[in-house]
Amino acid sequence: MPGIVIVGVQWGDEGKGKATDLLGERTDWVVKFNGGNNAGHTVVIGDEKYALHLLPSGILSPGVNPVIGNGVVIDLEVLFAELGALKSRGVDTSRLKVSANAHIITQYHRTLDKVTERFLGKR
């Protein structure tokens, strides 16, 4: 079975999102396999703009199964906010699959990160 794989070799801004949006409509699955919500891209469909940070762009293509994979760091607040925003605009998000092995972060992790950064100071 043939497959299409788009992998970036930089840390962003190389066009992965745009290529995925263009090719994603012709696939059965669009999988986000790493990273978190610190990245993202804007998808334009007609006059509508969608800002996606955590969800794979396949969520906007009817018939495509969007997947958040093992290596993704999921901020639950961001995930639920992004899903809610899409649902409020009439986007069906019911096809989304989330790996049981994805990494979950919470408010505790964000607070711990801030405290650690303050402690390190300029180091």
PDB file of N, CA and C in Angstrom:
ATOM      1  N   MET A   1       0.847  -1.172   0.000  1.00  0.00           N
ATOM      2  CA  MET A   1       0.000   0.000   0.000  1.00  0.00           C
ATOM      3  C   MET A   1       0.894   1.238   0.000  1.00  0.00           C
ATOM      4  N   PRO A   2       0.732   2.123  -0.961  1.00  0.00           N
ATOM      5  CA  PRO A   2       1.574   3.324  -1.017  1.00  0.00           C
ATOM      6  C   PRO A   2       1.254   4.284   0.125  1.00  0.00           C
ATOM      7  N   GLY A   3       2.230   5.076   0.477  1.00  0.00           N
ATOM      8  CA  GLY A   3       2.049   6.059   1.529  1.00  0.00           C
ATOM      9  C   GLY A   3       2.718   7.369   1.186  1.00  0.00           C
ATOM     10  N   ILE A   4       2.275   8.413   1.835  1.00  0.00           N
ATOM     11  CA  ILE A   4       2.885   9.738   1.688  1.00  0.00           C
ATOM     12  C   ILE A   4       3.371  10.138   3.073  1.00  0.00           C
ATOM     13  N   VAL A   5       4.644  10.493   3.171  1.00  0.00           N
ATOM     14  CA  VAL A   5       5.202  10.923   4.437  1.00  0.00           C
ATOM     15  C   VAL A   5       5.838  12.290   4.225  1.00  0.00           C
ATOM     16  N   ILE A   6       5.472  13.237   5.081  1.00  0.00           N
ATOM     17  CA  ILE A   6       6.071  14.571   5.046  1.00  0.00           C
ATOM     18  C   ILE A   6       6.809  14.746   6.366  1.00  0.00           C
ATOM     19  N   VAL A   7       8.125  14.897   6.295  1.00  0.00           N
ATOM     20  CA  VAL A   7       8.937  15.048   7.489  1.00  0.00           C
ATOM     21  C   VAL A   7       9.790  16.291   7.315  1.00  0.00           C
ATOM     22  N   GLY A   8       9.759  17.149   8.302  1.00  0.00           N
ATOM     23  CA  GLY A   8      10.590  18.344   8.259  1.00  0.00           C
ATOM     24  C   GLY A   8      11.963  18.062   8.831  1.00  0.00           C
ATOM     25  N   VAL A   9      12.957  18.728   8.312  1.00  0.00           N
ATOM     26  CA  VAL A   9      14.314  18.564   8.816  1.00  0.00           C
ATOM     27  C   VAL A   9      14.788  19.825   9.534  1.00  0.00           C
ATOM     28  N   GLN A  10      13.890  20.769   9.688  1.00  0.00           N
ATOM     29  CA  GLN A  10      14.191  21.983  10.436  1.00  0.00           C
ATOM     30  C   GLN A  10      13.186  22.068  11.566  1.00  0.00           C
ATOM     31  N   TRP A  11      13.241  23.118  12.331  1.00  0.00           N
ATOM     32  CA  TRP A  11      12.337  23.271  13.465  1.00  0.00           C
ATOM     33  C   TRP A  11      11.117  24.094  13.094  1.00  0.00           C
ATOM     34  N   GLY A  12      10.720  24.104  11.859  1.00  0.00           N
ATOM     35  CA  GLY A  12       9.507  24.811  11.479  1.00  0.00           C
ATOM     36  C   GLY A  12       9.740  25.757  10.330  1.00  0.00           C
ATOM     37  N   ASP A  13       8.660  26.326   9.864  1.00  0.00           N
ATOM     38  CA  ASP A  13       8.678  27.316   8.785  1.00  0.00           C
ATOM     39  C   ASP A  13       9.265  26.797   7.491  1.00  0.00           C
ATOM     40  N   GLU A  14       9.255  25.472   7.298  1.00  0.00           N
ATOM     41  CA  GLU A  14       9.764  24.941   6.042  1.00  0.00           C
ATOM     42  C   GLU A  14       8.644  24.500   5.120  1.00  0.00           C
ATOM     43  N   GLY A  15       7.404  24.624   5.557  1.00  0.00           N
ATOM     44  CA  GLY A  15       6.277  24.314   4.681  1.00  0.00           C
ATOM     45  C   GLY A  15       5.607  22.976   4.914  1.00  0.00           C
ATOM     46  N   LYS A  16       5.917  22.302   6.038  1.00  0.00           N
ATOM     47  CA  LYS A  16       5.282  21.010   6.325  1.00  0.00           C
ATOM     48  C   LYS A  16       3.767  21.145   6.371  1.00  0.00           C
ATOM     49  N   GLY A  17       3.286  22.160   7.055  1.00  0.00           N
ATOM     50  CA  GLY A  17       1.844  22.342   7.211  1.00  0.00           C
ATOM     51  C   GLY A  17       1.152  22.572   5.887  1.00  0.00           C
ATOM     52  N   LYS A  18       1.725  23.415   5.061  1.00  0.00           N
ATOM     53  CA  LYS A  18       1.132  23.701   3.756  1.00  0.00           C
ATOM     54  C   LYS A  18       1.105  22.450   2.878  1.00  0.00           C
ATOM     55  N   ALA A  19       2.207  21.703   2.875  1.00  0.00           N
ATOM     56  CA  ALA A  19       2.256  20.468   2.093  1.00  0.00           C
ATOM     57  C   ALA A  19       1.238  19.454   2.612  1.00  0.00           C
ATOM     58  N   THR A  20       1.122  19.347   3.925  1.00  0.00           N
ATOM     59  CA  THR A  20       0.148  18.429   4.515  1.00  0.00           C
ATOM     60  C   THR A  20      -1.268  18.824   4.131  1.00  0.00           C
ATOM     61  N   ASP A  21      -1.555  20.122   4.177  1.00  0.00           N
ATOM     62  CA  ASP A  21      -2.891  20.590   3.802  1.00  0.00           C
ATOM     63  C   ASP A  21      -3.213  20.267   2.350  1.00  0.00           C
ATOM     64  N   LEU A  22      -2.224  20.424   1.476  1.00  0.00           N
ATOM     65  CA  LEU A  22      -2.446  20.157   0.053  1.00  0.00           C
ATOM     66  C   LEU A  22      -2.615  18.672  -0.250  1.00  0.00           C
ATOM     67  N   LEU A  23      -1.813  17.835   0.411  1.00  0.00           N
ATOM     68  CA  LEU A  23      -1.843  16.402   0.137  1.00  0.00           C
ATOM     69  C   LEU A  23      -2.815  15.634   1.029  1.00  0.00           C
ATOM     70  N   GLY A  24      -3.160  16.227   2.163  1.00  0.00           N
ATOM     71  CA  GLY A  24      -3.972  15.534   3.154  1.00  0.00           C
ATOM     72  C   GLY A  24      -5.342  15.095   2.680  1.00  0.00           C
ATOM     73  N   GLU A  25      -5.933  15.841   1.770  1.00  0.00           N
ATOM     74  CA  GLU A  25      -7.264  15.490   1.279  1.00  0.00           C
ATOM     75  C   GLU A  25      -7.249  14.173   0.508  1.00  0.00           C
ATOM     76  N   ARG A  26      -6.077  13.756   0.022  1.00  0.00           N
ATOM     77  CA  ARG A  26      -5.966  12.524  -0.767  1.00  0.00           C
ATOM     78  C   ARG A  26      -5.505  11.331   0.071  1.00  0.00           C
ATOM     79  N   THR A  27      -5.511  11.482   1.388  1.00  0.00           N
ATOM     80  CA  THR A  27      -5.046  10.410   2.260  1.00  0.00           C
ATOM     81  C   THR A  27      -6.160   9.967   3.202  1.00  0.00           C
ATOM     82  N   ASP A  28      -5.937   8.832   3.835  1.00  0.00           N
ATOM     83  CA  ASP A  28      -6.889   8.335   4.829  1.00  0.00           C
ATOM     84  C   ASP A  28      -6.536   8.802   6.234  1.00  0.00           C
ATOM     85  N   TRP A  29      -5.267   9.043   6.482  1.00  0.00           N
ATOM     86  CA  TRP A  29      -4.774   9.405   7.816  1.00  0.00           C
ATOM     87  C   TRP A  29      -3.824  10.596   7.728  1.00  0.00           C
ATOM     88  N   VAL A  30      -3.924  11.517   8.676  1.00  0.00           N
ATOM     89  CA  VAL A  30      -2.930  12.576   8.862  1.00  0.00           C
ATOM     90  C   VAL A  30      -2.500  12.479  10.316  1.00  0.00           C
ATOM     91  N   VAL A  31      -1.203  12.236  10.533  1.00  0.00           N
ATOM     92  CA  VAL A  31      -0.688  11.947  11.866  1.00  0.00           C
ATOM     93  C   VAL A  31       0.318  13.005  12.284  1.00  0.00           C
ATOM     94  N   LYS A  32       0.084  13.593  13.453  1.00  0.00           N
ATOM     95  CA  LYS A  32       1.094  14.459  14.077  1.00  0.00           C
ATOM     96  C   LYS A  32       1.897  13.535  14.973  1.00  0.00           C
ATOM     97  N   PHE A  33       3.209  13.439  14.732  1.00  0.00           N
ATOM     98  CA  PHE A  33       3.990  12.416  15.425  1.00  0.00           C
ATOM     99  C   PHE A  33       4.952  12.967  16.467  1.00  0.00           C
ATOM    100  N   ASN A  34       5.124  14.286  16.532  1.00  0.00           N
ATOM    101  CA  ASN A  34       6.018  14.824  17.556  1.00  0.00           C
ATOM    102  C   ASN A  34       5.664  16.275  17.834  1.00  0.00           C
ATOM    103  N   GLY A  35       6.363  16.863  18.767  1.00  0.00           N
ATOM    104  CA  GLY A  35       6.147  18.268  19.096  1.00  0.00           C
ATOM    105  C   GLY A  35       4.984  18.461  20.044  1.00  0.00           C
ATOM    106  N   GLY A  36       4.538  19.685  20.107  1.00  0.00           N
ATOM    107  CA  GLY A  36       3.435  20.044  20.994  1.00  0.00           C
ATOM    108  C   GLY A  36       2.705  21.235  20.428  1.00  0.00           C
ATOM    109  N   ASN A  37       2.096  22.009  21.317  1.00  0.00           N
ATOM    110  CA  ASN A  37       1.310  23.148  20.857  1.00  0.00           C
ATOM    111  C   ASN A  37       2.134  24.416  20.702  1.00  0.00           C
ATOM    112  N   ASN A  38       3.444  24.331  20.886  1.00  0.00           N
ATOM    113  CA  ASN A  38       4.283  25.513  20.706  1.00  0.00           C
ATOM    114  C   ASN A  38       4.484  25.842  19.230  1.00  0.00           C
ATOM    115  N   ALA A  39       4.113  24.917  18.367  1.00  0.00           N
ATOM    116  CA  ALA A  39       4.196  25.147  16.927  1.00  0.00           C
ATOM    117  C   ALA A  39       2.775  25.275  16.388  1.00  0.00           C
ATOM    118  N   GLY A  40       2.657  25.477  15.135  1.00  0.00           N
ATOM    119  CA  GLY A  40       1.323  25.530  14.556  1.00  0.00           C
ATOM    120  C   GLY A  40       1.339  26.161  13.191  1.00  0.00           C
ATOM    121  N   HIS A  41       0.177  26.131  12.584  1.00  0.00           N
ATOM    122  CA  HIS A  41       0.048  26.763  11.286  1.00  0.00           C
ATOM    123  C   HIS A  41      -1.409  27.166  11.064  1.00  0.00           C
ATOM    124  N   THR A  42      -1.592  28.020  10.106  1.00  0.00           N
ATOM    125  CA  THR A  42      -2.916  28.501   9.755  1.00  0.00           C
ATOM    126  C   THR A  42      -3.353  27.832   8.465  1.00  0.00           C
ATOM    127  N   VAL A  43      -4.551  27.281   8.492  1.00  0.00           N
ATOM    128  CA  VAL A  43      -5.131  26.654   7.313  1.00  0.00           C
ATOM    129  C   VAL A  43      -6.235  27.571   6.807  1.00  0.00           C
ATOM    130  N   VAL A  44      -6.235  27.860   5.515  1.00  0.00           N
ATOM    131  CA  VAL A  44      -7.271  28.690   4.919  1.00  0.00           C
ATOM    132  C   VAL A  44      -8.091  27.819   3.986  1.00  0.00           C
ATOM    133  N   ILE A  45      -9.398  27.763   4.246  1.00  0.00           N
ATOM    134  CA  ILE A  45     -10.330  27.034   3.401  1.00  0.00           C
ATOM    135  C   ILE A  45     -11.417  28.020   2.987  1.00  0.00           C
ATOM    136  N   GLY A  46     -11.396  28.392   1.709  1.00  0.00           N
ATOM    137  CA  GLY A  46     -12.327  29.430   1.250  1.00  0.00           C
ATOM    138  C   GLY A  46     -12.018  30.737   1.945  1.00  0.00           C
ATOM    139  N   ASP A  47     -13.012  31.292   2.623  1.00  0.00           N
ATOM    140  CA  ASP A  47     -12.828  32.537   3.375  1.00  0.00           C
ATOM    141  C   ASP A  47     -12.533  32.282   4.852  1.00  0.00           C
ATOM    142  N   GLU A  48     -12.482  31.016   5.232  1.00  0.00           N
ATOM    143  CA  GLU A  48     -12.288  30.661   6.637  1.00  0.00           C
ATOM    144  C   GLU A  48     -10.817  30.405   6.955  1.00  0.00           C
ATOM    145  N   LYS A  49     -10.354  30.943   8.097  1.00  0.00           N
ATOM    146  CA  LYS A  49      -8.994  30.691   8.584  1.00  0.00           C
ATOM    147  C   LYS A  49      -9.080  29.890   9.872  1.00  0.00           C
ATOM    148  N   TYR A  50      -8.234  28.880   9.967  1.00  0.00           N
ATOM    149  CA  TYR A  50      -8.174  28.040  11.153  1.00  0.00           C
ATOM    150  C   TYR A  50      -6.743  28.015  11.656  1.00  0.00           C
ATOM    151  N   ALA A  51      -6.548  28.383  12.920  1.00  0.00           N
ATOM    152  CA  ALA A  51      -5.219  28.322  13.533  1.00  0.00           C
ATOM    153  C   ALA A  51      -5.117  27.019  14.314  1.00  0.00           C
ATOM    154  N   LEU A  52      -4.220  26.153  13.885  1.00  0.00           N
ATOM    155  CA  LEU A  52      -4.024  24.864  14.541  1.00  0.00           C
ATOM    156  C   LEU A  52      -2.656  24.837  15.197  1.00  0.00           C
ATOM    157  N   HIS A  53      -2.620  24.426  16.447  1.00  0.00           N
ATOM    158  CA  HIS A  53      -1.352  24.345  17.173  1.00  0.00           C
ATOM    159  C   HIS A  53      -1.050  22.921  17.599  1.00  0.00           C
ATOM    160  N   LEU A  54      -2.062  22.198  18.005  1.00  0.00           N
ATOM    161  CA  LEU A  54      -1.869  20.845  18.501  1.00  0.00           C
ATOM    162  C   LEU A  54      -2.519  19.805  17.591  1.00  0.00           C
ATOM    163  N   LEU A  55      -3.654  20.158  17.021  1.00  0.00           N
ATOM    164  CA  LEU A  55      -4.384  19.210  16.184  1.00  0.00           C
ATOM    165  C   LEU A  55      -3.752  19.088  14.801  1.00  0.00           C
ATOM    166  N   PRO A  56      -3.727  17.869  14.265  1.00  0.00           N
ATOM    167  CA  PRO A  56      -3.230  17.706  12.891  1.00  0.00           C
ATOM    168  C   PRO A  56      -4.205  18.337  11.907  1.00  0.00           C
ATOM    169  N   SER A  57      -3.684  18.883  10.826  1.00  0.00           N
ATOM    170  CA  SER A  57      -4.538  19.593   9.873  1.00  0.00           C
ATOM    171  C   SER A  57      -5.574  18.689   9.221  1.00  0.00           C
ATOM    172  N   GLY A  58      -5.368  17.386   9.258  1.00  0.00           N
ATOM    173  CA  GLY A  58      -6.343  16.459   8.701  1.00  0.00           C
ATOM    174  C   GLY A  58      -7.702  16.550   9.361  1.00  0.00           C
ATOM    175  N   ILE A  59      -7.766  17.195  10.509  1.00  0.00           N
ATOM    176  CA  ILE A  59      -9.043  17.341  11.210  1.00  0.00           C
ATOM    177  C   ILE A  59     -10.028  18.178  10.396  1.00  0.00           C
ATOM    178  N   LEU A  60      -9.511  18.961   9.461  1.00  0.00           N
ATOM    179  CA  LEU A  60     -10.369  19.826   8.650  1.00  0.00           C
ATOM    180  C   LEU A  60     -10.826  19.173   7.343  1.00  0.00           C
ATOM    181  N   SER A  61     -10.300  17.999   7.035  1.00  0.00           N
ATOM    182  CA  SER A  61     -10.628  17.329   5.779  1.00  0.00           C
ATOM    183  C   SER A  61     -11.631  16.206   6.028  1.00  0.00           C
ATOM    184  N   PRO A  62     -12.808  16.292   5.444  1.00  0.00           N
ATOM    185  CA  PRO A  62     -13.805  15.225   5.616  1.00  0.00           C
ATOM    186  C   PRO A  62     -13.243  13.886   5.137  1.00  0.00           C
ATOM    187  N   GLY A  63     -13.485  12.850   5.906  1.00  0.00           N
ATOM    188  CA  GLY A  63     -13.048  11.520   5.522  1.00  0.00           C
ATOM    189  C   GLY A  63     -11.639  11.170   5.938  1.00  0.00           C
ATOM    190  N   VAL A  64     -10.877  12.138   6.431  1.00  0.00           N
ATOM    191  CA  VAL A  64      -9.506  11.888   6.877  1.00  0.00           C
ATOM    192  C   VAL A  64      -9.527  11.602   8.375  1.00  0.00           C
ATOM    193  N   ASN A  65      -8.730  10.644   8.799  1.00  0.00           N
ATOM    194  CA  ASN A  65      -8.604  10.317  10.219  1.00  0.00           C
ATOM    195  C   ASN A  65      -7.405  11.056  10.794  1.00  0.00           C
ATOM    196  N   PRO A  66      -7.627  12.075  11.619  1.00  0.00           N
ATOM    197  CA  PRO A  66      -6.508  12.792  12.231  1.00  0.00           C
ATOM    198  C   PRO A  66      -6.040  12.058  13.485  1.00  0.00           C
ATOM    199  N   VAL A  67      -4.718  11.991  13.661  1.00  0.00           N
ATOM    200  CA  VAL A  67      -4.143  11.257  14.791  1.00  0.00           C
ATOM    201  C   VAL A  67      -3.107  12.118  15.498  1.00  0.00           C
ATOM    202  N   ILE A  68      -3.173  12.125  16.818  1.00  0.00           N
ATOM    203  CA  ILE A  68      -2.104  12.687  17.646  1.00  0.00           C
ATOM    204  C   ILE A  68      -1.336  11.478  18.166  1.00  0.00           C
ATOM    205  N   GLY A  69      -0.077  11.345  17.743  1.00  0.00           N
ATOM    206  CA  GLY A  69       0.702  10.135  17.989  1.00  0.00           C
ATOM    207  C   GLY A  69       1.500  10.129  19.275  1.00  0.00           C
ATOM    208  N   ASN A  70       2.272   9.046  19.428  1.00  0.00           N
ATOM    209  CA  ASN A  70       3.052   8.758  20.635  1.00  0.00           C
ATOM    210  C   ASN A  70       3.976   9.890  21.071  1.00  0.00           C
ATOM    211  N   GLY A  71       4.666  10.515  20.139  1.00  0.00           N
ATOM    212  CA  GLY A  71       5.701  11.480  20.489  1.00  0.00           C
ATOM    213  C   GLY A  71       5.211  12.895  20.716  1.00  0.00           C
ATOM    214  N   VAL A  72       3.913  13.108  20.728  1.00  0.00           N
ATOM    215  CA  VAL A  72       3.371  14.458  20.876  1.00  0.00           C
ATOM    216  C   VAL A  72       3.165  14.777  22.355  1.00  0.00           C
ATOM    217  N   VAL A  73       3.489  16.001  22.727  1.00  0.00           N
ATOM    218  CA  VAL A  73       3.253  16.492  24.083  1.00  0.00           C
ATOM    219  C   VAL A  73       1.918  17.242  24.056  1.00  0.00           C
ATOM    220  N   ILE A  74       0.948  16.748  24.818  1.00  0.00           N
ATOM    221  CA  ILE A  74      -0.405  17.298  24.780  1.00  0.00           C
ATOM    222  C   ILE A  74      -0.680  18.120  26.034  1.00  0.00           C
ATOM    223  N   ASP A  75      -0.920  19.389  25.838  1.00  0.00           N
ATOM    224  CA  ASP A  75      -1.407  20.272  26.895  1.00  0.00           C
ATOM    225  C   ASP A  75      -2.925  20.166  26.827  1.00  0.00           C
ATOM    226  N   LEU A  76      -3.538  19.558  27.843  1.00  0.00           N
ATOM    227  CA  LEU A  76      -4.978  19.290  27.799  1.00  0.00           C
ATOM    228  C   LEU A  76      -5.816  20.555  27.638  1.00  0.00           C
ATOM    229  N   GLU A  77      -5.404  21.636  28.287  1.00  0.00           N
ATOM    230  CA  GLU A  77      -6.149  22.897  28.146  1.00  0.00           C
ATOM    231  C   GLU A  77      -6.148  23.361  26.695  1.00  0.00           C
ATOM    232  N   VAL A  78      -5.011  23.270  26.047  1.00  0.00           N
ATOM    233  CA  VAL A  78      -4.897  23.681  24.646  1.00  0.00           C
ATOM    234  C   VAL A  78      -5.709  22.746  23.755  1.00  0.00           C
ATOM    235  N   LEU A  79      -5.616  21.442  24.011  1.00  0.00           N
ATOM    236  CA  LEU A  79      -6.358  20.473  23.202  1.00  0.00           C
ATOM    237  C   LEU A  79      -7.856  20.744  23.260  1.00  0.00           C
ATOM    238  N   PHE A  80      -8.397  20.883  24.481  1.00  0.00           N
ATOM    239  CA  PHE A  80      -9.839  21.090  24.605  1.00  0.00           C
ATOM    240  C   PHE A  80     -10.281  22.453  24.068  1.00  0.00           C
ATOM    241  N   ALA A  81      -9.444  23.461  24.216  1.00  0.00           N
ATOM    242  CA  ALA A  81      -9.779  24.778  23.661  1.00  0.00           C
ATOM    243  C   ALA A  81      -9.805  24.722  22.133  1.00  0.00           C
ATOM    244  N   GLU A  82      -8.825  24.045  21.549  1.00  0.00           N
ATOM    245  CA  GLU A  82      -8.764  23.945  20.090  1.00  0.00           C
ATOM    246  C   GLU A  82      -9.942  23.132  19.547  1.00  0.00           C
ATOM    247  N   LEU A  83     -10.274  22.029  20.220  1.00  0.00           N
ATOM    248  CA  LEU A  83     -11.428  21.231  19.806  1.00  0.00           C
ATOM    249  C   LEU A  83     -12.718  22.040  19.924  1.00  0.00           C
ATOM    250  N   GLY A  84     -12.862  22.765  21.027  1.00  0.00           N
ATOM    251  CA  GLY A  84     -14.063  23.586  21.230  1.00  0.00           C
ATOM    252  C   GLY A  84     -14.203  24.660  20.167  1.00  0.00           C
ATOM    253  N   ALA A  85     -13.096  25.289  19.816  1.00  0.00           N
ATOM    254  CA  ALA A  85     -13.130  26.338  18.794  1.00  0.00           C
ATOM    255  C   ALA A  85     -13.561  25.768  17.442  1.00  0.00           C
ATOM    256  N   LEU A  86     -13.068  24.585  17.102  1.00  0.00           N
ATOM    257  CA  LEU A  86     -13.457  23.971  15.830  1.00  0.00           C
ATOM    258  C   LEU A  86     -14.920  23.534  15.856  1.00  0.00           C
ATOM    259  N   LYS A  87     -15.350  22.942  16.956  1.00  0.00           N
ATOM    260  CA  LYS A  87     -16.747  22.498  17.071  1.00  0.00           C
ATOM    261  C   LYS A  87     -17.699  23.677  16.957  1.00  0.00           C
ATOM    262  N   SER A  88     -17.329  24.803  17.558  1.00  0.00           N
ATOM    263  CA  SER A  88     -18.195  25.992  17.499  1.00  0.00           C
ATOM    264  C   SER A  88     -18.321  26.530  16.078  1.00  0.00           C
ATOM    265  N   ARG A  89     -17.391  26.161  15.224  1.00  0.00           N
ATOM    266  CA  ARG A  89     -17.437  26.585  13.816  1.00  0.00           C
ATOM    267  C   ARG A  89     -17.993  25.488  12.912  1.00  0.00           C
ATOM    268  N   GLY A  90     -18.514  24.434  13.526  1.00  0.00           N
ATOM    269  CA  GLY A  90     -19.161  23.381  12.764  1.00  0.00           C
ATOM    270  C   GLY A  90     -18.250  22.299  12.222  1.00  0.00           C
ATOM    271  N   VAL A  91     -17.017  22.254  12.708  1.00  0.00           N
ATOM    272  CA  VAL A  91     -16.076  21.231  12.238  1.00  0.00           C
ATOM    273  C   VAL A  91     -16.292  19.953  13.035  1.00  0.00           C
ATOM    274  N   ASP A  92     -16.424  18.830  12.336  1.00  0.00           N
ATOM    275  CA  ASP A  92     -16.576  17.524  12.978  1.00  0.00           C
ATOM    276  C   ASP A  92     -15.216  17.061  13.480  1.00  0.00           C
ATOM    277  N   THR A  93     -15.081  16.909  14.786  1.00  0.00           N
ATOM    278  CA  THR A  93     -13.812  16.488  15.381  1.00  0.00           C
ATOM    279  C   THR A  93     -13.884  15.046  15.896  1.00  0.00           C
ATOM    280  N   SER A  94     -14.958  14.352  15.586  1.00  0.00           N
ATOM    281  CA  SER A  94     -15.191  13.019  16.157  1.00  0.00           C
ATOM    282  C   SER A  94     -14.226  11.957  15.635  1.00  0.00           C
ATOM    283  N   ARG A  95     -13.547  12.201  14.535  1.00  0.00           N
ATOM    284  CA  ARG A  95     -12.620  11.213  13.969  1.00  0.00           C
ATOM    285  C   ARG A  95     -11.248  11.236  14.648  1.00  0.00           C
ATOM    286  N   LEU A  96     -10.993  12.227  15.484  1.00  0.00           N
ATOM    287  CA  LEU A  96      -9.673  12.375  16.108  1.00  0.00           C
ATOM    288  C   LEU A  96      -9.332  11.157  16.959  1.00  0.00           C
ATOM    289  N   LYS A  97      -8.129  10.654  16.751  1.00  0.00           N
ATOM    290  CA  LYS A  97      -7.578   9.564  17.554  1.00  0.00           C
ATOM    291  C   LYS A  97      -6.368  10.119  18.289  1.00  0.00           C
ATOM    292  N   VAL A  98      -6.238   9.754  19.572  1.00  0.00           N
ATOM    293  CA  VAL A  98      -5.103  10.189  20.381  1.00  0.00           C
ATOM    294  C   VAL A  98      -4.426   8.951  20.945  1.00  0.00           C
ATOM    295  N   SER A  99      -3.131   8.844  20.724  1.00  0.00           N
ATOM    296  CA  SER A  99      -2.378   7.703  21.225  1.00  0.00           C
ATOM    297  C   SER A  99      -2.398   7.678  22.749  1.00  0.00           C
ATOM    298  N   ALA A 100      -2.558   6.476  23.290  1.00  0.00           N
ATOM    299  CA  ALA A 100      -2.481   6.301  24.743  1.00  0.00           C
ATOM    300  C   ALA A 100      -1.065   6.567  25.249  1.00  0.00           C
ATOM    301  N   ASN A 101      -0.093   6.604  24.341  1.00  0.00           N
ATOM    302  CA  ASN A 101       1.300   6.827  24.723  1.00  0.00           C
ATOM    303  C   ASN A 101       1.773   8.252  24.457  1.00  0.00           C
ATOM    304  N   ALA A 102       0.860   9.139  24.086  1.00  0.00           N
ATOM    305  CA  ALA A 102       1.235  10.552  23.956  1.00  0.00           C
ATOM    306  C   ALA A 102       1.529  11.093  25.355  1.00  0.00           C
ATOM    307  N   HIS A 103       2.277  12.160  25.424  1.00  0.00           N
ATOM    308  CA  HIS A 103       2.690  12.731  26.703  1.00  0.00           C
ATOM    309  C   HIS A 103       1.736  13.849  27.098  1.00  0.00           C
ATOM    310  N   ILE A 104       1.254  13.815  28.331  1.00  0.00           N
ATOM    311  CA  ILE A 104       0.304  14.816  28.823  1.00  0.00           C
ATOM    312  C   ILE A 104       1.023  15.778  29.756  1.00  0.00           C
ATOM    313  N   ILE A 105       0.801  17.082  29.537  1.00  0.00           N
ATOM    314  CA  ILE A 105       1.279  18.077  30.496  1.00  0.00           C
ATOM    315  C   ILE A 105       0.070  18.814  31.059  1.00  0.00           C
ATOM    316  N   THR A 106       0.235  19.294  32.269  1.00  0.00           N
ATOM    317  CA  THR A 106      -0.850  19.982  32.968  1.00  0.00           C
ATOM    318  C   THR A 106      -0.346  21.337  33.468  1.00  0.00           C
ATOM    319  N   GLN A 107      -1.192  22.032  34.187  1.00  0.00           N
ATOM    320  CA  GLN A 107      -0.812  23.316  34.776  1.00  0.00           C
ATOM    321  C   GLN A 107       0.394  23.133  35.704  1.00  0.00           C
ATOM    322  N   TYR A 108       0.453  22.017  36.400  1.00  0.00           N
ATOM    323  CA  TYR A 108       1.584  21.723  37.285  1.00  0.00           C
ATOM    324  C   TYR A 108       2.901  21.772  36.508  1.00  0.00           C
ATOM    325  N   HIS A 109       2.926  21.172  35.350  1.00  0.00           N
ATOM    326  CA  HIS A 109       4.151  21.141  34.548  1.00  0.00           C
ATOM    327  C   HIS A 109       4.544  22.539  34.073  1.00  0.00           C
ATOM    328  N   ARG A 110       3.548  23.338  33.690  1.00  0.00           N
ATOM    329  CA  ARG A 110       3.854  24.714  33.264  1.00  0.00           C
ATOM    330  C   ARG A 110       4.410  25.534  34.423  1.00  0.00           C
ATOM    331  N   THR A 111       3.837  25.368  35.616  1.00  0.00           N
ATOM    332  CA  THR A 111       4.308  26.087  36.799  1.00  0.00           C
ATOM    333  C   THR A 111       5.724  25.648  37.162  1.00  0.00           C
ATOM    334  N   LEU A 112       5.960  24.353  37.140  1.00  0.00           N
ATOM    335  CA  LEU A 112       7.292  23.826  37.436  1.00  0.00           C
ATOM    336  C   LEU A 112       8.326  24.371  36.453  1.00  0.00           C
ATOM    337  N   ASP A 113       7.961  24.462  35.196  1.00  0.00           N
ATOM    338  CA  ASP A 113       8.864  24.996  34.172  1.00  0.00           C
ATOM    339  C   ASP A 113       9.204  26.462  34.463  1.00  0.00           C
ATOM    340  N   LYS A 114       8.199  27.265  34.843  1.00  0.00           N
ATOM    341  CA  LYS A 114       8.439  28.676  35.156  1.00  0.00           C
ATOM    342  C   LYS A 114       9.369  28.831  36.357  1.00  0.00           C
ATOM    343  N   VAL A 115       9.123  28.030  37.384  1.00  0.00           N
ATOM    344  CA  VAL A 115       9.951  28.105  38.592  1.00  0.00           C
ATOM    345  C   VAL A 115      11.394  27.707  38.260  1.00  0.00           C
ATOM    346  N   THR A 116      11.556  26.658  37.496  1.00  0.00           N
ATOM    347  CA  THR A 116      12.893  26.202  37.109  1.00  0.00           C
ATOM    348  C   THR A 116      13.623  27.279  36.322  1.00  0.00           C
ATOM    349  N   GLU A 117      12.933  27.907  35.372  1.00  0.00           N
ATOM    350  CA  GLU A 117      13.561  28.961  34.571  1.00  0.00           C
ATOM    351  C   GLU A 117      13.969  30.151  35.430  1.00  0.00           C
ATOM    352  N   ARG A 118      13.128  30.517  36.404  1.00  0.00           N
ATOM    353  CA  ARG A 118      13.479  31.627  37.314  1.00  0.00           C
ATOM    354  C   ARG A 118      14.700  31.275  38.139  1.00  0.00           C
ATOM    355  N   PHE A 119      14.751  30.035  38.623  1.00  0.00           N
ATOM    356  CA  PHE A 119      15.863  29.581  39.428  1.00  0.00           C
ATOM    357  C   PHE A 119      17.164  29.623  38.623  1.00  0.00           C
ATOM    358  N   LEU A 120      17.117  29.222  37.374  1.00  0.00           N
ATOM    359  CA  LEU A 120      18.312  29.205  36.535  1.00  0.00           C
ATOM    360  C   LEU A 120      18.796  30.617  36.198  1.00  0.00           C
ATOM    361  N   GLY A 121      17.876  31.558  36.177  1.00  0.00           N
ATOM    362  CA  GLY A 121      18.249  32.927  35.864  1.00  0.00           C
ATOM    363  C   GLY A 121      18.881  33.037  34.492  1.00  0.00           C
ATOM    364  N   LYS A 122      20.030  33.691  34.420  1.00  0.00           N
ATOM    365  CA  LYS A 122      20.712  33.868  33.145  1.00  0.00           C
ATOM    366  C   LYS A 122      21.575  32.659  32.766  1.00  0.00           C
ATOM    367  N   ARG A 123      21.610  31.654  33.627  1.00  0.00           N
ATOM    368  CA  ARG A 123      22.408  30.457  33.320  1.00  0.00           C
ATOM    369  C   ARG A 123      21.672  29.635  32.316  1.00  0.00           C
TER     370      ARG A 123
END
